[in-house]
Amino acid sequence: MSFTVAIVGRPNVGKSTLFNRLVGKKLALVDDTPGVTRDRRPGDARLMGLTFTIIDTAGLEEADEESLQGRMRAQTEAAIDEADLSLFVVDAKSGLTPVDTALAEMLRRRGKPVVLVANKSEARGSDSGFYDAYTLGLGEPTPISAEHGQGMIDLRDAIVAAIGEDRAYPTKEDVAVTNVDVSQAEGEGDEDDEPAYDETKPLRVAIVGRPNAGKSTLINRFLGEDRLLTGPEAGITRDSISVEWDWRGRTIKMFDTAGMRRKARVIEKLEKLSVADALRAIRFAETVVIVFDATIPFEKQDLQIVDLVLREGRAAVLAFNKWDMIEDRQAVLADLREKTDRLLPQARGIRAVPISGQTGWGLDKLMQSIIDTDKVWNKRISTARLNRWLETQQIQHPPPAVSGRRIKLKYMTQVKARPPAFMISCTRSDALPESYTRYLINGLRADFDMPSVPIRIHFRSADNPFEGKKRRT
């Protein structure tokens, strides 16, 4: 992208609505409640041929530095300092407030280009608020409606005038083009090949867990900066915020998510939106780290989150956070291992790592566990090896006879990875008991070193060419 733009303003003026309009997706949560956005969220914006990085921020308010609102303000000021241009959004419908005047003065002191945006200008009675915006001394306001998409051309022109045409429209020589080789798509090539794991491809990781388990603190420790809003209050994170960083030369894209409480306790609309955003982050991630509070682990909600991640087919890693608060670590670790095996039988062999997001202890081991789990999640096994294995399994433990007729497993192949899924051609697939499927899955885990990831097995009966034909008498 050629330049970075921060959207700033007091709460509930439509900043997140404008952000969603510019990125072309409903990425940021939008609600009538003031102060929905708390962290700064980046996105790739496109506006009438103009491309740039846009940052959604929390509403600026006067508050004590140690309070939640004060920490939100610090995040917004960091976004302003990072950006090349600020879109200062005011509400033309409700008019100016003293907070708007204070924010205008703060932006002027920073000396960076500012575009004054009068949102909700389509509303009846918005003219007075629009003309009041001139008194801020930031130039002519640009009337728009972020909700309905009105005034976008004028907004584009105002951004170009503020940033300059050279920055707004870089020449082709200034734009780096990356050629991506898409010839090796998933599933292509010889089915008997077992492709090597790509150590260089970017990895998407979602961090999930109950509220106040330390998810945002963990990501901040990975980044080495206070990128995400943290604090003792439960439920600070609302949007699923993505951040990128490098670990040993590999690009890691991490998604911080809102804490997920029991469904019965989620009543407010805003919390429902936050949880839905977290579920969306799980679906688009490759590996999911479920953060447990080591001081109160294995709550019912913890187990439900793990089960949800596995049902979605994601690779899962457990992180027992707040390990610095544990005194008898050896005894607690042995107890956690026993409970992991007993309470999560569907995730046999799942990697569990004790960590401290506050001090950074154990983070390298956690990242290595994430990489190792992703390797298993991407694993492919040749058809020849699978069929030799299937024959051995049937010799050791033949499928049971149902109604006096034995079931025959004929052929096996891997149909996909991410997660590993297999197809077995057999007779009477509908009669094969679930216990035998579990036997095969456990055998795959043990014999092909595939712990912790979900494994799918589909059975298919061969077509009977004589089915439906009348028997001759």
Protein backbone atom coordinates (compact mmCIF):
# COMPACT_ATOMS: atom_id res chain seq x y z
CA MET A 1 0.00 0.00 0.00
CA SER A 2 1.16 3.54 -0.75
CA PHE A 3 0.20 5.25 2.54
CA THR A 4 -1.64 4.73 5.85
CA VAL A 5 -4.81 6.48 7.03
CA ALA A 6 -6.22 6.48 10.59
CA ILE A 7 -9.93 7.05 11.23
CA VAL A 8 -10.34 9.08 14.44
CA GLY A 9 -13.18 10.80 16.25
CA ARG A 10 -15.27 10.65 19.39
CA PRO A 11 -17.38 7.54 20.10
CA ASN A 12 -20.42 6.66 17.96
CA VAL A 13 -19.78 8.99 15.00
CA GLY A 14 -19.57 6.11 12.48
CA LYS A 15 -15.84 5.35 12.30
CA SER A 16 -16.25 1.56 12.08
CA THR A 17 -19.06 1.92 9.53
CA LEU A 18 -16.73 4.02 7.36
CA PHE A 19 -13.94 1.47 7.88
CA ASN A 20 -16.20 -1.35 6.67
CA ARG A 21 -17.25 0.76 3.69
CA LEU A 22 -13.64 1.39 2.66
CA VAL A 23 -12.42 -2.20 3.04
CA GLY A 24 -15.53 -3.57 1.33
CA LYS A 25 -16.25 -6.08 4.12
CA LYS A 26 -17.98 -6.08 7.49
CA LEU A 27 -14.75 -6.61 9.42
CA ALA A 28 -15.32 -4.19 12.31
CA LEU A 29 -18.21 -4.65 14.73
CA VAL A 30 -20.88 -1.97 14.40
CA ASP A 31 -23.54 -1.21 17.00
CA ASP A 32 -25.49 1.77 18.32
CA THR A 33 -23.67 1.44 21.65
CA PRO A 34 -20.88 4.04 21.99
CA GLY A 35 -17.36 2.68 22.43
CA VAL A 36 -17.73 -0.63 20.57
CA THR A 37 -14.25 -0.43 19.03
CA ARG A 38 -11.41 -0.68 21.54
CA ASP A 39 -8.31 -1.91 19.69
CA ARG A 40 -6.91 -0.43 16.52
CA ARG A 41 -7.73 -2.59 13.50
CA PRO A 42 -5.86 -2.31 10.16
CA GLY A 43 -7.38 -3.13 6.78
CA ASP A 44 -6.74 -2.78 3.03
CA ALA A 45 -8.91 0.02 1.68
CA ARG A 46 -9.99 0.73 -1.90
CA LEU A 47 -11.71 3.97 -2.80
CA MET A 48 -12.45 4.82 -6.43
CA GLY A 49 -9.08 3.57 -7.72
CA LEU A 50 -7.21 4.66 -4.60
CA THR A 51 -5.57 1.95 -2.47
CA PHE A 52 -4.16 2.45 1.01
CA THR A 53 -4.01 0.96 4.52
CA ILE A 54 -6.82 2.09 6.79
CA ILE A 55 -6.79 1.86 10.61
CA ASP A 56 -10.00 1.82 12.63
CA THR A 57 -9.56 3.22 16.13
CA ALA A 58 -11.44 3.61 19.40
CA GLY A 59 -13.43 6.74 20.09
CA LEU A 60 -11.29 9.41 21.74
CA GLU A 61 -12.44 10.55 25.18
CA GLU A 62 -10.94 12.53 28.03
CA ALA A 63 -10.10 9.96 30.73
CA ASP A 64 -7.48 8.98 33.29
CA GLU A 65 -4.49 7.19 31.76
CA GLU A 66 -4.90 4.12 33.98
CA SER A 67 -8.59 3.62 33.17
CA LEU A 68 -9.87 1.47 30.30
CA GLN A 69 -10.88 4.57 28.33
CA GLY A 70 -7.43 6.05 28.95
CA ARG A 71 -5.73 2.94 27.60
CA MET A 72 -8.07 3.00 24.59
CA ARG A 73 -7.04 6.62 23.97
CA ALA A 74 -3.37 5.63 24.07
CA GLN A 75 -4.01 3.00 21.38
CA THR A 76 -5.73 5.59 19.17
CA GLU A 77 -2.90 8.11 19.62
CA ALA A 78 -0.43 5.39 18.61
CA ALA A 79 -2.44 4.84 15.42
CA ILE A 80 -2.38 8.58 14.66
CA ASP A 81 1.39 8.66 15.09
CA GLU A 82 1.76 5.60 12.83
CA ALA A 83 -0.48 6.95 10.04
CA ASP A 84 0.43 9.41 7.28
CA LEU A 85 -3.05 10.97 7.27
CA SER A 86 -6.00 11.16 9.67
CA LEU A 87 -9.69 11.12 8.76
CA PHE A 88 -11.29 13.15 11.55
CA VAL A 89 -14.94 12.04 11.61
CA VAL A 90 -17.63 14.24 13.18
CA ASP A 91 -21.37 13.65 13.44
CA ALA A 92 -23.19 16.18 11.27
CA LYS A 93 -26.54 14.97 12.61
CA SER A 94 -25.89 15.65 16.31
CA GLY A 95 -23.43 18.50 15.79
CA LEU A 96 -20.13 19.32 17.47
CA THR A 97 -19.25 18.72 21.12
CA PRO A 98 -16.38 20.00 23.29
CA VAL A 99 -14.68 16.63 22.75
CA ASP A 100 -14.56 17.31 18.99
CA THR A 101 -12.89 20.66 19.63
CA ALA A 102 -10.28 19.06 21.91
CA LEU A 103 -9.55 16.35 19.36
CA ALA A 104 -9.14 18.91 16.58
CA GLU A 105 -6.57 20.74 18.72
CA MET A 106 -4.69 17.47 19.39
CA LEU A 107 -4.55 16.66 15.66
CA ARG A 108 -3.29 20.15 14.84
CA ARG A 109 -0.45 19.80 17.36
CA ARG A 110 0.78 16.64 15.64
CA GLY A 111 1.26 18.52 12.37
CA LYS A 112 0.11 15.69 10.09
CA PRO A 113 -2.41 16.03 7.25
CA VAL A 114 -6.04 15.83 8.37
CA VAL A 115 -9.22 15.38 6.32
CA LEU A 116 -12.34 16.56 8.15
CA VAL A 117 -15.26 14.21 7.44
CA ALA A 118 -18.87 15.14 8.29
CA ASN A 119 -20.63 11.77 8.56
CA LYS A 120 -24.41 11.19 8.62
CA SER A 121 -24.87 14.17 6.28
CA GLU A 122 -27.84 12.46 4.64
CA ALA A 123 -29.92 12.87 7.81
CA ARG A 124 -32.59 15.54 8.08
CA GLY A 125 -31.31 18.56 9.99
CA SER A 126 -27.64 17.77 9.38
CA ASP A 127 -26.87 21.08 7.64
CA SER A 128 -26.28 22.97 10.89
CA GLY A 129 -23.82 20.34 12.12
CA PHE A 130 -22.03 20.36 8.77
CA TYR A 131 -21.50 24.14 8.81
CA ASP A 132 -20.44 24.03 12.49
CA ALA A 133 -17.55 21.79 11.44
CA TYR A 134 -15.90 24.80 9.76
CA THR A 135 -15.27 26.24 13.25
CA LEU A 136 -12.77 23.46 13.99
CA GLY A 137 -10.22 25.18 11.75
CA LEU A 138 -9.30 22.04 9.82
CA GLY A 139 -10.47 23.20 6.43
CA GLU A 140 -13.61 22.38 4.49
CA PRO A 141 -15.50 19.35 5.81
CA THR A 142 -16.35 16.54 3.40
CA PRO A 143 -20.02 15.49 3.71
CA ILE A 144 -20.55 11.73 3.48
CA SER A 145 -22.85 8.93 4.56
CA ALA A 146 -20.77 5.91 5.54
CA GLU A 147 -23.93 3.86 6.01
CA HIS A 148 -25.28 4.50 2.50
CA GLY A 149 -22.03 5.10 0.62
CA GLN A 150 -22.76 8.72 -0.34
CA GLY A 151 -19.97 11.23 -0.88
CA MET A 152 -17.23 8.67 -1.52
CA ILE A 153 -15.94 10.48 -4.62
CA ASP A 154 -15.58 13.72 -2.64
CA LEU A 155 -13.79 11.81 0.11
CA ARG A 156 -11.37 10.35 -2.43
CA ASP A 157 -10.60 13.81 -3.81
CA ALA A 158 -10.05 15.21 -0.32
CA ILE A 159 -7.61 12.40 0.56
CA VAL A 160 -5.65 12.91 -2.67
CA ALA A 161 -5.44 16.66 -2.06
CA ALA A 162 -4.20 16.12 1.52
CA ILE A 163 -1.64 13.38 0.85
CA GLY A 164 -0.50 14.54 -2.58
CA GLU A 165 -0.91 12.84 -5.94
CA ASP A 166 2.59 11.34 -5.84
CA ARG A 167 1.77 9.43 -2.65
CA ALA A 168 -1.80 8.69 -3.64
CA TYR A 169 -0.97 7.24 -7.08
CA PRO A 170 2.53 5.72 -7.02
CA THR A 171 4.08 4.78 -10.35
CA LYS A 172 4.38 1.13 -11.37
CA GLU A 173 8.08 1.16 -10.57
CA ASP A 174 7.24 2.04 -6.95
CA VAL A 175 4.85 -0.86 -6.48
CA ALA A 176 6.39 -4.21 -5.55
CA VAL A 177 4.81 -7.13 -7.39
CA THR A 178 5.05 -10.61 -5.98
CA ASN A 179 4.61 -13.56 -8.31
CA VAL A 180 2.81 -16.43 -6.64
CA ASP A 181 3.25 -19.95 -8.00
CA VAL A 182 -0.19 -21.55 -7.90
CA SER A 183 0.72 -24.59 -9.97
CA GLN A 184 1.08 -26.77 -6.87
CA ALA A 185 -2.50 -26.54 -5.67
CA GLU A 186 -3.72 -28.76 -2.92
CA GLY A 187 -4.55 -32.20 -4.19
CA GLU A 188 -2.57 -31.92 -7.45
CA GLY A 189 0.20 -34.27 -8.51
CA ASP A 190 0.74 -37.99 -8.13
CA GLU A 191 -1.45 -39.41 -5.41
CA ASP A 192 1.45 -41.57 -4.21
CA ASP A 193 3.65 -38.53 -3.58
CA GLU A 194 3.99 -37.20 -0.05
CA PRO A 195 4.81 -33.50 -0.57
CA ALA A 196 7.26 -31.85 1.80
CA TYR A 197 5.96 -29.33 4.32
CA ASP A 198 6.49 -25.73 3.21
CA GLU A 199 8.45 -24.05 6.00
CA THR A 200 8.17 -20.61 4.39
CA LYS A 201 4.45 -20.13 3.81
CA PRO A 202 2.65 -17.67 6.13
CA LEU A 203 0.76 -19.28 8.99
CA ARG A 204 -2.62 -18.08 10.32
CA VAL A 205 -3.06 -18.63 14.06
CA ALA A 206 -6.14 -17.77 16.13
CA ILE A 207 -5.88 -17.25 19.90
CA VAL A 208 -9.12 -18.20 21.68
CA GLY A 209 -10.27 -18.90 25.21
CA ARG A 210 -12.46 -17.72 28.05
CA PRO A 211 -12.50 -14.03 29.05
CA ASN A 212 -9.48 -12.82 31.03
CA ALA A 213 -7.36 -15.86 30.19
CA GLY A 214 -4.55 -13.60 28.94
CA LYS A 215 -4.94 -13.83 25.14
CA SER A 216 -4.11 -10.21 24.32
CA THR A 217 -1.22 -10.15 26.80
CA LEU A 218 0.20 -13.25 25.12
CA ILE A 219 0.13 -11.63 21.67
CA ASN A 220 1.67 -8.43 23.00
CA ARG A 221 4.53 -10.48 24.43
CA PHE A 222 5.04 -12.16 21.06
CA LEU A 223 5.18 -8.76 19.34
CA GLY A 224 7.33 -7.14 22.01
CA GLU A 225 5.03 -4.10 22.24
CA ASP A 226 1.65 -3.08 23.68
CA ARG A 227 -0.14 -3.53 20.38
CA LEU A 228 -3.41 -4.82 21.88
CA LEU A 229 -5.45 -3.37 24.69
CA THR A 230 -5.02 -5.30 27.95
CA GLY A 231 -6.03 -4.91 31.57
CA PRO A 232 -7.55 -6.63 34.60
CA GLU A 233 -11.10 -6.14 33.27
CA ALA A 234 -12.68 -9.23 31.69
CA GLY A 235 -13.99 -8.94 28.13
CA ILE A 236 -11.81 -6.05 26.93
CA THR A 237 -11.31 -7.46 23.43
CA ARG A 238 -14.37 -7.27 21.17
CA ASP A 239 -13.20 -7.35 17.55
CA SER A 240 -10.98 -10.12 16.18
CA ILE A 241 -7.77 -8.17 15.56
CA SER A 242 -5.06 -9.55 13.28
CA VAL A 243 -1.37 -8.77 13.72
CA GLU A 244 1.64 -9.94 11.72
CA TRP A 245 5.16 -10.70 12.92
CA ASP A 246 8.09 -12.94 12.01
CA TRP A 247 9.22 -15.96 13.99
CA ARG A 248 12.54 -17.39 12.85
CA GLY A 249 12.05 -16.00 9.36
CA ARG A 250 8.44 -17.17 8.95
CA THR A 251 5.47 -14.79 8.73
CA ILE A 252 2.90 -15.45 11.45
CA LYS A 253 -0.53 -13.81 11.26
CA MET A 254 -2.20 -13.99 14.65
CA PHE A 255 -5.84 -13.23 15.42
CA ASP A 256 -6.76 -12.00 18.87
CA THR A 257 -10.39 -12.85 19.66
CA ALA A 258 -13.00 -11.94 22.22
CA GLY A 259 -13.37 -14.18 25.26
CA MET A 260 -16.02 -16.85 24.76
CA ARG A 261 -18.37 -17.35 27.69
CA ARG A 262 -21.02 -20.03 28.08
CA LYS A 263 -23.81 -19.55 25.56
CA ALA A 264 -26.46 -19.14 28.26
CA ARG A 265 -24.58 -16.14 29.68
CA VAL A 266 -24.24 -14.34 26.34
CA ILE A 267 -27.29 -12.10 26.35
CA GLU A 268 -26.23 -8.69 25.05
CA LYS A 269 -26.25 -8.15 21.29
CA LEU A 270 -22.72 -6.71 21.31
CA GLU A 271 -21.26 -9.78 23.02
CA LYS A 272 -23.06 -12.02 20.53
CA LEU A 273 -21.43 -10.09 17.70
CA SER A 274 -18.02 -10.43 19.37
CA VAL A 275 -18.41 -14.20 19.77
CA ALA A 276 -19.57 -14.54 16.16
CA ASP A 277 -16.44 -12.65 15.10
CA ALA A 278 -14.30 -15.03 17.16
CA LEU A 279 -15.97 -18.05 15.52
CA ARG A 280 -15.24 -16.55 12.11
CA ALA A 281 -11.58 -16.16 13.08
CA ILE A 282 -11.47 -19.86 14.04
CA ARG A 283 -12.87 -20.89 10.67
CA PHE A 284 -10.29 -18.87 8.73
CA ALA A 285 -7.33 -19.90 10.90
CA GLU A 286 -5.08 -22.88 10.30
CA THR A 287 -3.91 -23.49 13.86
CA VAL A 288 -5.90 -22.45 16.92
CA VAL A 289 -4.30 -21.89 20.33
CA ILE A 290 -6.79 -22.42 23.16
CA VAL A 291 -5.57 -20.40 26.14
CA PHE A 292 -6.38 -21.90 29.56
CA ASP A 293 -6.00 -20.08 32.85
CA ALA A 294 -3.57 -22.43 34.66
CA THR A 295 -4.94 -21.31 38.04
CA ILE A 296 -8.48 -22.49 37.14
CA PRO A 297 -8.08 -24.88 34.17
CA PHE A 298 -10.55 -27.24 32.54
CA GLU A 299 -13.71 -25.32 33.20
CA LYS A 300 -16.67 -26.64 31.24
CA GLN A 301 -16.36 -23.76 28.80
CA ASP A 302 -12.69 -24.63 28.14
CA LEU A 303 -13.67 -28.13 27.06
CA GLN A 304 -16.47 -26.83 24.87
CA ILE A 305 -14.09 -24.43 23.11
CA VAL A 306 -11.63 -27.26 22.39
CA ASP A 307 -14.45 -29.43 21.05
CA LEU A 308 -15.65 -26.55 18.85
CA VAL A 309 -12.19 -26.06 17.37
CA LEU A 310 -11.81 -29.75 16.59
CA ARG A 311 -15.28 -29.97 15.03
CA GLU A 312 -14.31 -27.08 12.78
CA GLY A 313 -11.35 -29.18 11.62
CA ARG A 314 -8.63 -26.83 12.88
CA ALA A 315 -5.27 -27.87 14.29
CA ALA A 316 -5.33 -27.22 18.05
CA VAL A 317 -2.71 -26.45 20.69
CA LEU A 318 -3.38 -25.90 24.40
CA ALA A 319 -1.58 -23.10 26.24
CA PHE A 320 -1.75 -23.08 30.04
CA ASN A 321 -1.20 -19.39 30.73
CA LYS A 322 -0.29 -17.59 33.99
CA TRP A 323 2.29 -20.28 34.79
CA ASP A 324 4.25 -17.68 36.76
CA MET A 325 1.48 -17.78 39.37
CA ILE A 326 1.83 -21.54 39.97
CA GLU A 327 3.90 -22.58 42.99
CA ASP A 328 4.16 -26.41 42.91
CA ARG A 329 4.74 -26.64 39.16
CA GLN A 330 5.66 -30.32 38.93
CA ALA A 331 2.53 -31.49 40.71
CA VAL A 332 0.29 -29.13 38.75
CA LEU A 333 1.87 -30.17 35.45
CA ALA A 334 1.29 -33.87 36.18
CA ASP A 335 -2.32 -33.11 37.10
CA LEU A 336 -2.85 -31.12 33.89
CA ARG A 337 -1.46 -33.94 31.76
CA GLU A 338 -3.76 -36.48 33.43
CA LYS A 339 -6.82 -34.24 32.96
CA THR A 340 -5.92 -33.50 29.34
CA ASP A 341 -5.86 -37.22 28.48
CA ARG A 342 -9.01 -37.96 30.47
CA LEU A 343 -11.20 -34.99 29.58
CA LEU A 344 -10.19 -34.62 25.91
CA PRO A 345 -10.23 -38.16 24.46
CA GLN A 346 -11.25 -36.77 21.06
CA ALA A 347 -7.91 -34.90 20.93
CA ARG A 348 -5.56 -37.71 21.86
CA GLY A 349 -1.96 -36.53 21.82
CA ILE A 350 -2.85 -32.83 21.72
CA ARG A 351 0.14 -30.63 22.47
CA ALA A 352 -0.17 -28.71 25.75
CA VAL A 353 2.40 -26.08 26.74
CA PRO A 354 2.68 -24.17 30.05
CA ILE A 355 3.44 -20.49 29.38
CA SER A 356 3.43 -17.05 30.92
CA GLY A 357 2.22 -14.26 28.67
CA GLN A 358 3.23 -11.74 31.33
CA THR A 359 6.92 -12.76 31.50
CA GLY A 360 7.35 -14.46 28.11
CA TRP A 361 8.31 -17.83 29.62
CA GLY A 362 7.61 -20.80 27.32
CA LEU A 363 6.63 -18.81 24.21
CA ASP A 364 9.30 -20.33 21.96
CA LYS A 365 8.13 -23.81 22.95
CA LEU A 366 4.55 -22.78 22.22
CA MET A 367 5.47 -21.52 18.75
CA GLN A 368 7.37 -24.73 18.00
CA SER A 369 4.30 -26.73 19.06
CA ILE A 370 2.17 -24.61 16.70
CA ILE A 371 4.52 -25.33 13.79
CA ASP A 372 4.69 -29.05 14.58
CA THR A 373 0.90 -29.30 14.80
CA ASP A 374 0.49 -27.45 11.51
CA LYS A 375 2.85 -29.95 9.88
CA VAL A 376 0.58 -32.81 10.98
CA TRP A 377 -2.50 -30.88 9.85
CA ASN A 378 -1.00 -30.55 6.35
CA LYS A 379 0.28 -34.14 6.23
CA ARG A 380 -0.36 -36.37 3.21
CA ILE A 381 0.14 -40.14 3.13
CA SER A 382 0.61 -42.09 -0.07
CA THR A 383 -2.15 -44.44 -1.21
CA ALA A 384 0.22 -47.42 -1.32
CA ARG A 385 1.20 -46.99 2.34
CA LEU A 386 -2.42 -46.54 3.37
CA ASN A 387 -3.56 -49.75 1.69
CA ARG A 388 -0.73 -51.77 3.21
CA TRP A 389 -1.68 -50.34 6.58
CA LEU A 390 -5.40 -51.06 6.05
CA GLU A 391 -4.66 -54.69 5.22
CA THR A 392 -2.61 -55.05 8.42
CA GLN A 393 -5.36 -53.45 10.51
CA GLN A 394 -7.95 -55.89 9.17
CA ILE A 395 -5.70 -58.86 9.95
CA GLN A 396 -5.14 -57.66 13.51
CA HIS A 397 -8.75 -56.67 14.13
CA PRO A 398 -11.23 -57.68 11.37
CA PRO A 399 -14.42 -55.65 10.94
CA PRO A 400 -17.31 -57.24 12.82
CA ALA A 401 -19.91 -59.37 11.10
CA VAL A 402 -23.32 -57.68 11.03
CA SER A 403 -26.40 -59.90 10.62
CA GLY A 404 -24.08 -62.79 9.85
CA ARG A 405 -22.38 -61.00 6.95
CA ARG A 406 -18.80 -59.74 7.25
CA ILE A 407 -17.86 -56.26 6.10
CA LYS A 408 -14.89 -56.04 3.73
CA LEU A 409 -12.66 -52.93 3.56
CA LYS A 410 -11.28 -52.93 0.00
CA TYR A 411 -9.37 -49.71 -0.73
CA MET A 412 -8.18 -46.58 1.10
CA THR A 413 -6.86 -43.23 -0.07
CA GLN A 414 -6.38 -39.75 1.36
CA VAL A 415 -8.80 -37.34 -0.30
CA LYS A 416 -7.57 -34.12 1.34
CA ALA A 417 -5.38 -32.57 4.00
CA ARG A 418 -6.06 -29.61 6.34
CA PRO A 419 -7.35 -31.64 8.22
CA PRO A 420 -6.40 -35.12 6.98
CA ALA A 421 -9.43 -36.88 5.47
CA PHE A 422 -9.54 -40.42 4.09
CA MET A 423 -11.96 -42.43 1.97
CA ILE A 424 -12.37 -46.19 2.37
CA SER A 425 -14.24 -48.24 -0.21
CA CYS A 426 -16.07 -51.09 1.51
CA THR A 427 -19.13 -53.29 1.49
CA ARG A 428 -22.17 -52.25 3.53
CA SER A 429 -20.71 -48.94 4.71
CA ASP A 430 -23.93 -48.06 6.54
CA ALA A 431 -23.57 -51.12 8.79
CA LEU A 432 -19.99 -50.42 9.96
CA PRO A 433 -20.13 -49.59 13.69
CA GLU A 434 -18.75 -46.32 15.05
CA SER A 435 -16.38 -48.21 17.34
CA TYR A 436 -14.48 -49.60 14.35
CA THR A 437 -14.12 -46.11 12.89
CA ARG A 438 -12.56 -44.96 16.16
CA TYR A 439 -10.23 -47.98 16.02
CA LEU A 440 -9.03 -46.94 12.57
CA ILE A 441 -8.59 -43.29 13.58
CA ASN A 442 -6.53 -44.25 16.65
CA GLY A 443 -4.44 -46.55 14.45
CA LEU A 444 -3.76 -43.71 11.99
CA ARG A 445 -2.67 -41.45 14.85
CA ALA A 446 -0.28 -44.04 16.26
CA ASP A 447 1.19 -45.54 13.07
CA PHE A 448 1.57 -42.32 11.03
CA ASP A 449 2.44 -39.96 13.91
CA MET A 450 -0.65 -37.77 13.64
CA PRO A 451 -1.44 -36.59 17.17
CA SER A 452 -3.90 -33.87 18.16
CA VAL A 453 -5.38 -32.97 14.75
CA PRO A 454 -8.91 -33.97 13.66
CA ILE A 455 -8.97 -37.01 11.36
CA ARG A 456 -11.94 -37.68 9.08
CA ILE A 457 -12.76 -41.10 7.58
CA HIS A 458 -15.52 -41.46 5.00
CA PHE A 459 -16.82 -44.84 3.88
CA ARG A 460 -18.24 -45.53 0.46
CA SER A 461 -19.95 -48.67 -0.80
CA ALA A 462 -19.29 -49.80 -4.35
CA ASP A 463 -22.24 -49.48 -6.73
CA ASN A 464 -24.13 -52.70 -7.31
CA PRO A 465 -24.71 -53.09 -11.09
CA PHE A 466 -27.64 -55.43 -10.49
CA GLU A 467 -29.46 -53.21 -8.00
CA GLY A 468 -32.96 -52.37 -9.14
CA LYS A 469 -33.13 -55.12 -11.74
CA LYS A 470 -35.86 -57.74 -11.54
CA ARG A 471 -34.79 -61.28 -10.88
CA ARG A 472 -35.67 -63.74 -13.64
CA THR A 473 -37.99 -66.58 -12.64
